[in-house]
Amino acid sequence: MKHLFTAAAVAAFGLGAVSAQAATLDDVKAKGFVQCGVSQGLPGFSNPDDSGNWSGIDVDYCRGVAAAVFGDATAVKFTPLSAKERFTALQTGEVDILSRNTTWTMGRDTSLGLNFAGVTYYDGQGFMVRKSLGIASALELEGASVCTNTGTTTELNVADYFRANNMQYEIVAFEKADEVVQSYDAGRCDVYTTDASGLYAQRLKLTNPDDHVVLPEIISKEPLGPVVRQGDDQWFNIAKWVYFAMINAEELGVTQGNVDEMMGSDNPSIKRLLGSEGAYGEAIGLGNDWAANVIKAVGNYGEMFDRNVGPDTPLGIARGQNALWTKGGLQYAPPIR
C-alpha cells in the first residue's frame, strides 16, 4: 500500500507524485537497519566523535528502535540533517525516522504528512550572551543582533518575543548549527538563541565557554521528539512504544543492569513490559521481548538522560520538567496492558 503526501506537503516541498511506503517495518527489515535522521552535531542529543561514532539522547532513541526491531542496537545508520533538510528527508523516505531535537507544533503535525511519536525532551527557547555585556535579562536586548538557525521555530519565537516587548533586533541566520556557533563566537552577533538545551550544548564548542551566560528567560514551549511519516500506523506505534517502554521501565525500576533479573519478577506490570506475560510485541509486529531488548541496549529513560545530558556530564542539566510524573516532572507514559 502507498500513502500519498498531503496536498500541502506536496505544494510546500515540490514532491510531485512521490509517495511514502506504508510498510516501513518491512522495508527496514529487508535492508537490515533503521535509517535515522539526526542533527549535524549537538552534544548530548546527536553528536559524532572524531571517529564518526554517534552519541546522545536522540541517537540512543534510534538505537532503541533498532533493538526493538532486530534485537541489535547497532542495526542503525545515521544521516546528519540540517533544520532545513530534515522534514524533506523524512517525507521522501531518505530516513525511516527523524530523531533530531525537533519541536512538535500544530503546523508540523497537520500539514507536513508527519506524526510526532512523543516528547523525549521538554525544552524551551533561551538566549546566550557574553558576560562582558553585563546583561542579566533578555528584556535588555533592545537593538541586539541575534544569531540562529534558518528553518526552525526559533526565528518565529524571536520575532514574537521582541515584538511583544516592543524591542528592535536584527536576525543573523545560518542553515548549519555549527555556522551559528562559529559566527556568535567570532562576534558577528550579540546573542545566540536556540532551545535552552542546545545553548548548554553549543556553549561547549565556544573558544572560552565560561565567558558566556545563558539568560534566565525561557520564551517558548519546545516539546522535542521523534517523527515518522503519516499513513503507517504500525511504524508509528513502534516509534511511540519504544519511548513509552523506556519511561515505564524507569517508573518500574527496570534498568539496563537488572533487566535480566527483573525477567523473574512477579509484578504484572513488569511481566507485561518484559514480555513474559501477554503478546504486546505481536500487536506491533515485533517479538514479545522487544521492550526487554530496548532496555538491555540503551537502558530506561532516566539512564539515557543521565548518560547524555545529566548533572554528571559536561552539559550538567537537571531533570527538571523531564523528571517522571511521579517526581514532579512531565514524563508520563501510557501503561502496557
Protein backbone atom coordinates (compact mmCIF):
# COMPACT_ATOMS: atom_id res chain seq x y z
CA MET A 1 0.00 0.00 0.00
CA LYS A 2 1.14 3.54 -0.69
CA HIS A 3 0.30 6.64 1.30
CA LEU A 4 0.32 9.91 -0.66
CA PHE A 5 1.61 13.08 0.92
CA THR A 6 -0.91 15.75 1.84
CA ALA A 7 -1.56 18.39 -0.80
CA ALA A 8 0.04 20.97 1.49
CA ALA A 9 3.22 18.92 1.77
CA VAL A 10 3.38 18.36 -1.96
CA ALA A 11 2.93 22.06 -2.63
CA ALA A 12 5.41 23.11 0.05
CA PHE A 13 8.17 20.72 -0.90
CA GLY A 14 7.60 20.10 -4.61
CA LEU A 15 7.34 16.36 -4.09
CA GLY A 16 5.00 15.81 -7.02
CA ALA A 17 3.82 12.21 -7.18
CA VAL A 18 6.35 10.91 -4.63
CA SER A 19 4.64 8.66 -2.08
CA ALA A 20 5.57 7.22 1.28
CA GLN A 21 5.88 3.48 1.67
CA ALA A 22 3.29 2.39 4.24
CA ALA A 23 5.04 -0.84 5.26
CA THR A 24 8.10 0.82 6.77
CA LEU A 25 8.81 -2.12 9.09
CA ASP A 26 9.01 -4.48 6.10
CA ASP A 27 11.37 -2.10 4.31
CA VAL A 28 13.55 -1.73 7.40
CA LYS A 29 13.76 -5.50 7.87
CA ALA A 30 14.57 -6.00 4.20
CA LYS A 31 17.57 -3.66 4.29
CA GLY A 32 18.66 -4.82 7.76
CA PHE A 33 18.89 -1.49 9.57
CA VAL A 34 16.99 1.62 10.65
CA GLN A 35 17.97 4.83 8.82
CA CYS A 36 17.76 7.61 11.41
CA GLY A 37 17.90 11.32 10.67
CA VAL A 38 19.86 13.25 13.30
CA SER A 39 21.42 16.69 13.74
CA GLN A 40 24.72 17.77 12.26
CA GLY A 41 26.22 17.83 15.75
CA LEU A 42 24.54 18.77 19.02
CA PRO A 43 26.37 17.43 22.11
CA GLY A 44 24.11 15.42 24.40
CA PHE A 45 21.47 14.85 21.72
CA SER A 46 23.11 13.69 18.47
CA ASN A 47 26.80 14.30 18.05
CA PRO A 48 29.60 12.35 16.30
CA ASP A 49 33.07 11.99 17.77
CA ASP A 50 36.25 12.23 15.72
CA SER A 51 35.81 8.60 14.63
CA GLY A 52 32.23 9.13 13.49
CA ASN A 53 30.64 7.35 16.47
CA TRP A 54 27.33 8.99 17.37
CA SER A 55 26.03 9.60 20.88
CA GLY A 56 23.18 11.47 22.56
CA ILE A 57 19.54 11.14 23.60
CA ASP A 58 18.25 11.26 20.02
CA VAL A 59 20.84 8.69 18.96
CA ASP A 60 20.06 6.35 21.85
CA TYR A 61 16.36 6.52 21.00
CA CYS A 62 17.16 5.35 17.45
CA ARG A 63 19.34 2.57 18.81
CA GLY A 64 16.37 1.59 20.97
CA VAL A 65 14.18 1.33 17.86
CA ALA A 66 16.82 -0.87 16.20
CA ALA A 67 16.99 -3.05 19.32
CA ALA A 68 13.19 -3.42 19.32
CA VAL A 69 13.10 -4.42 15.66
CA PHE A 70 16.27 -6.50 15.32
CA GLY A 71 17.38 -7.26 18.87
CA ASP A 72 20.53 -5.39 17.85
CA ALA A 73 21.09 -1.74 18.76
CA THR A 74 23.89 -1.45 16.16
CA ALA A 75 21.46 -2.10 13.28
CA VAL A 76 21.06 1.62 12.68
CA LYS A 77 22.66 4.18 10.37
CA PHE A 78 22.67 7.91 10.98
CA THR A 79 22.03 10.66 8.43
CA PRO A 80 23.06 14.15 9.62
CA LEU A 81 20.48 16.71 8.53
CA SER A 82 20.19 20.47 8.78
CA ALA A 83 16.98 22.00 10.13
CA LYS A 84 16.06 22.94 6.57
CA GLU A 85 16.60 19.42 5.19
CA ARG A 86 15.09 17.30 7.96
CA PHE A 87 11.40 17.13 7.01
CA THR A 88 12.02 16.60 3.29
CA ALA A 89 14.41 13.74 4.10
CA LEU A 90 11.69 12.01 6.11
CA GLN A 91 8.92 12.73 3.61
CA THR A 92 10.88 11.34 0.67
CA GLY A 93 11.95 8.18 2.52
CA GLU A 94 15.63 9.08 2.80
CA VAL A 95 15.29 8.30 6.50
CA ASP A 96 12.87 5.98 8.32
CA ILE A 97 12.61 8.13 11.42
CA LEU A 98 13.69 11.64 12.34
CA SER A 99 15.20 11.96 15.81
CA ARG A 100 16.73 15.41 15.73
CA ASN A 101 15.80 17.90 18.51
CA THR A 102 12.63 18.76 16.58
CA THR A 103 9.77 20.74 18.11
CA TRP A 104 6.24 19.34 17.96
CA THR A 105 3.90 22.06 16.68
CA MET A 106 0.39 22.00 15.26
CA GLY A 107 1.57 23.13 11.83
CA ARG A 108 4.16 20.39 11.58
CA ASP A 109 1.72 17.81 12.93
CA THR A 110 -1.06 18.62 10.47
CA SER A 111 0.39 19.95 7.22
CA LEU A 112 3.59 18.01 6.50
CA GLY A 113 2.31 14.44 6.34
CA LEU A 114 4.17 13.58 9.56
CA ASN A 115 3.43 12.24 13.06
CA PHE A 116 5.30 13.04 16.27
CA ALA A 117 5.80 9.91 18.36
CA GLY A 118 6.25 11.55 21.77
CA VAL A 119 8.23 14.12 23.72
CA THR A 120 11.65 12.75 24.57
CA TYR A 121 12.79 16.13 25.93
CA TYR A 122 10.72 19.05 27.20
CA ASP A 123 12.58 22.23 26.35
CA GLY A 124 12.12 25.97 25.84
CA GLN A 125 13.95 28.62 23.86
CA GLY A 126 16.50 30.81 25.59
CA PHE A 127 19.28 33.33 24.92
CA MET A 128 23.04 33.26 25.47
CA VAL A 129 25.26 36.36 25.64
CA ARG A 130 28.81 37.26 26.55
CA LYS A 131 29.23 38.02 30.24
CA SER A 132 31.21 41.13 29.28
CA LEU A 133 27.98 42.76 28.01
CA GLY A 134 26.70 42.91 31.58
CA ILE A 135 23.21 41.82 30.54
CA ALA A 136 21.13 39.96 33.15
CA SER A 137 17.80 39.67 31.31
CA ALA A 138 16.53 39.15 27.77
CA LEU A 139 14.46 42.30 28.29
CA GLU A 140 17.74 44.23 27.98
CA LEU A 141 18.34 43.08 24.40
CA GLU A 142 16.97 46.18 22.61
CA GLY A 143 18.77 46.61 19.29
CA ALA A 144 20.70 43.35 19.57
CA SER A 145 21.86 41.25 16.64
CA VAL A 146 20.70 37.67 17.14
CA CYS A 147 22.30 34.55 15.65
CA THR A 148 20.13 31.50 14.98
CA ASN A 149 19.29 28.69 12.52
CA THR A 150 17.08 29.06 9.47
CA GLY A 151 14.08 26.75 9.04
CA THR A 152 13.25 26.48 12.74
CA THR A 153 10.60 27.66 15.18
CA THR A 154 13.41 29.70 16.78
CA GLU A 155 13.14 32.54 14.26
CA LEU A 156 9.38 32.81 14.78
CA ASN A 157 9.72 32.78 18.57
CA VAL A 158 12.34 35.55 18.46
CA ALA A 159 10.06 37.68 16.30
CA ASP A 160 7.14 37.14 18.71
CA TYR A 161 9.23 37.91 21.80
CA PHE A 162 10.83 41.11 20.52
CA ARG A 163 7.54 42.37 19.07
CA ALA A 164 5.64 41.62 22.29
CA ASN A 165 8.25 43.57 24.27
CA ASN A 166 8.48 46.42 21.74
CA MET A 167 12.18 45.87 21.07
CA GLN A 168 14.13 46.18 17.83
CA TYR A 169 16.56 43.45 16.74
CA GLU A 170 18.49 42.14 13.77
CA ILE A 171 18.41 38.47 12.84
CA VAL A 172 21.61 36.77 11.60
CA ALA A 173 20.58 33.32 10.36
CA PHE A 174 22.52 30.34 9.04
CA GLU A 175 21.47 26.91 7.77
CA LYS A 176 24.00 24.85 9.75
CA ALA A 177 24.18 24.86 13.54
CA ASP A 178 27.99 24.99 13.55
CA GLU A 179 27.87 28.12 11.36
CA VAL A 180 25.69 29.79 14.00
CA VAL A 181 28.11 28.84 16.78
CA GLN A 182 31.16 29.99 14.84
CA SER A 183 29.54 33.31 13.92
CA TYR A 184 28.50 34.02 17.50
CA ASP A 185 31.94 33.01 18.77
CA ALA A 186 33.55 35.36 16.22
CA GLY A 187 31.43 38.27 17.43
CA ARG A 188 29.20 38.61 14.36
CA CYS A 189 26.18 38.89 16.66
CA ASP A 190 25.44 39.87 20.26
CA VAL A 191 23.12 36.99 21.12
CA TYR A 192 22.80 33.29 20.31
CA THR A 193 19.30 31.83 20.61
CA THR A 194 18.02 28.27 20.35
CA ASP A 195 16.48 25.71 22.70
CA ALA A 196 17.98 26.02 26.18
CA SER A 197 19.41 22.51 25.96
CA GLY A 198 21.09 23.48 22.70
CA LEU A 199 22.61 26.58 24.29
CA TYR A 200 24.25 24.49 27.01
CA ALA A 201 25.43 22.00 24.39
CA GLN A 202 26.76 24.53 21.90
CA ARG A 203 28.47 26.60 24.61
CA LEU A 204 30.92 23.70 24.93
CA LYS A 205 32.10 24.46 21.38
CA LEU A 206 32.97 28.11 22.08
CA THR A 207 36.59 29.24 22.43
CA ASN A 208 36.02 30.27 26.06
CA PRO A 209 32.76 28.69 27.27
CA ASP A 210 32.97 30.31 30.72
CA ASP A 211 32.84 33.76 29.14
CA HIS A 212 29.21 33.23 28.16
CA VAL A 213 25.98 33.03 30.16
CA VAL A 214 22.51 31.68 29.39
CA LEU A 215 19.90 34.28 30.41
CA PRO A 216 17.06 33.19 32.73
CA GLU A 217 14.12 33.80 30.37
CA ILE A 218 12.51 30.85 28.59
CA ILE A 219 10.33 32.32 25.85
CA SER A 220 8.59 29.30 24.35
CA LYS A 221 7.43 25.72 24.72
CA GLU A 222 9.68 23.35 22.78
CA PRO A 223 8.49 19.74 23.14
CA LEU A 224 11.18 17.80 21.26
CA GLY A 225 10.64 14.32 19.92
CA PRO A 226 10.97 11.76 17.12
CA VAL A 227 8.94 11.98 13.93
CA VAL A 228 7.66 9.43 11.39
CA ARG A 229 5.60 9.63 8.20
CA GLN A 230 1.82 9.57 8.39
CA GLY A 231 -0.03 6.61 6.88
CA ASP A 232 1.86 3.77 8.55
CA ASP A 233 0.24 3.09 11.91
CA GLN A 234 2.42 0.06 12.63
CA TRP A 235 5.67 2.04 12.37
CA PHE A 236 4.08 4.93 14.27
CA ASN A 237 3.15 2.51 17.07
CA ILE A 238 6.69 1.13 17.21
CA ALA A 239 8.13 4.65 17.38
CA LYS A 240 5.74 5.60 20.23
CA TRP A 241 6.08 2.47 22.29
CA VAL A 242 9.88 2.33 22.25
CA TYR A 243 9.78 5.69 24.01
CA PHE A 244 6.90 4.66 26.30
CA ALA A 245 8.73 1.45 27.24
CA MET A 246 11.74 3.46 28.42
CA ILE A 247 9.52 5.70 30.58
CA ASN A 248 7.62 2.74 32.04
CA ALA A 249 10.88 0.93 32.72
CA GLU A 250 12.20 3.82 34.80
CA GLU A 251 8.94 4.07 36.71
CA LEU A 252 9.03 0.31 37.44
CA GLY A 253 12.71 0.30 38.44
CA VAL A 254 13.84 -1.78 35.46
CA THR A 255 17.36 -0.82 34.38
CA GLN A 256 19.97 -1.86 31.87
CA GLY A 257 21.79 -3.60 34.71
CA ASN A 258 18.90 -5.51 36.26
CA VAL A 259 16.65 -6.30 33.28
CA ASP A 260 17.62 -9.99 33.20
CA GLU A 261 16.92 -10.33 36.91
CA MET A 262 13.61 -8.49 36.50
CA MET A 263 12.50 -11.12 33.99
CA GLY A 264 11.61 -13.22 37.02
CA SER A 265 9.54 -10.51 38.71
CA ASP A 266 6.04 -11.29 39.94
CA ASN A 267 4.92 -7.70 39.25
CA PRO A 268 2.32 -7.94 36.45
CA SER A 269 3.35 -4.57 35.00
CA ILE A 270 6.98 -5.68 34.75
CA LYS A 271 5.94 -9.04 33.27
CA ARG A 272 3.96 -7.28 30.52
CA LEU A 273 6.81 -4.81 29.88
CA LEU A 274 9.45 -7.51 29.52
CA GLY A 275 7.28 -9.91 27.53
CA SER A 276 6.81 -12.79 29.96
CA GLU A 277 3.07 -12.13 30.03
CA GLY A 278 0.80 -11.19 27.16
CA ALA A 279 1.61 -10.74 23.47
CA TYR A 280 2.14 -7.00 23.24
CA GLY A 281 5.05 -7.22 20.82
CA GLU A 282 2.90 -9.21 18.45
CA ALA A 283 0.44 -6.32 18.32
CA ILE A 284 3.10 -4.04 16.76
CA GLY A 285 4.77 -6.64 14.54
CA LEU A 286 7.69 -7.40 16.88
CA GLY A 287 8.81 -10.19 19.20
CA ASN A 288 7.46 -10.11 22.74
CA ASP A 289 10.96 -9.36 24.05
CA TRP A 290 11.02 -6.05 22.11
CA ALA A 291 10.98 -3.82 25.22
CA ALA A 292 13.48 -6.00 27.09
CA ASN A 293 15.83 -5.60 24.12
CA VAL A 294 15.39 -1.81 24.19
CA ILE A 295 16.27 -1.62 27.89
CA LYS A 296 19.22 -4.01 27.54
CA ALA A 297 20.58 -1.84 24.73
CA VAL A 298 20.10 1.72 26.00
CA GLY A 299 18.56 1.50 29.48
CA ASN A 300 15.45 3.23 30.77
CA TYR A 301 14.65 6.89 30.12
CA GLY A 302 16.44 8.14 33.25
CA GLU A 303 19.60 6.23 32.37
CA MET A 304 19.53 7.65 28.85
CA PHE A 305 19.04 11.19 30.19
CA ASP A 306 21.76 10.97 32.83
CA ARG A 307 24.29 9.38 30.48
CA ASN A 308 23.94 12.05 27.83
CA VAL A 309 22.94 15.37 29.42
CA GLY A 310 22.61 14.81 33.18
CA PRO A 311 24.32 16.52 36.11
CA ASP A 312 27.48 14.40 35.81
CA THR A 313 28.02 15.23 32.11
CA PRO A 314 29.65 18.36 30.63
CA LEU A 315 26.14 19.75 29.96
CA GLY A 316 25.11 19.31 33.60
CA ILE A 317 21.34 19.54 33.00
CA ALA A 318 18.99 18.74 35.89
CA ARG A 319 15.96 16.55 35.16
CA GLY A 320 13.50 19.40 35.83
CA GLN A 321 10.46 19.05 33.57
CA ASN A 322 11.94 15.82 32.23
CA ALA A 323 11.61 14.04 35.57
CA LEU A 324 8.98 11.33 35.84
CA TRP A 325 5.46 12.47 36.65
CA THR A 326 5.84 10.67 39.99
CA LYS A 327 8.69 13.05 40.82
CA GLY A 328 7.12 16.33 39.75
CA GLY A 329 8.06 16.19 36.07
CA LEU A 330 6.18 15.79 32.81
CA GLN A 331 7.48 12.41 31.64
CA TYR A 332 4.48 10.07 31.67
CA ALA A 333 3.70 7.03 29.55
CA PRO A 334 0.53 5.00 28.95
CA PRO A 335 0.68 1.55 30.56
CA ILE A 336 1.48 -1.66 28.72
CA ARG A 337 -1.60 -3.80 29.30
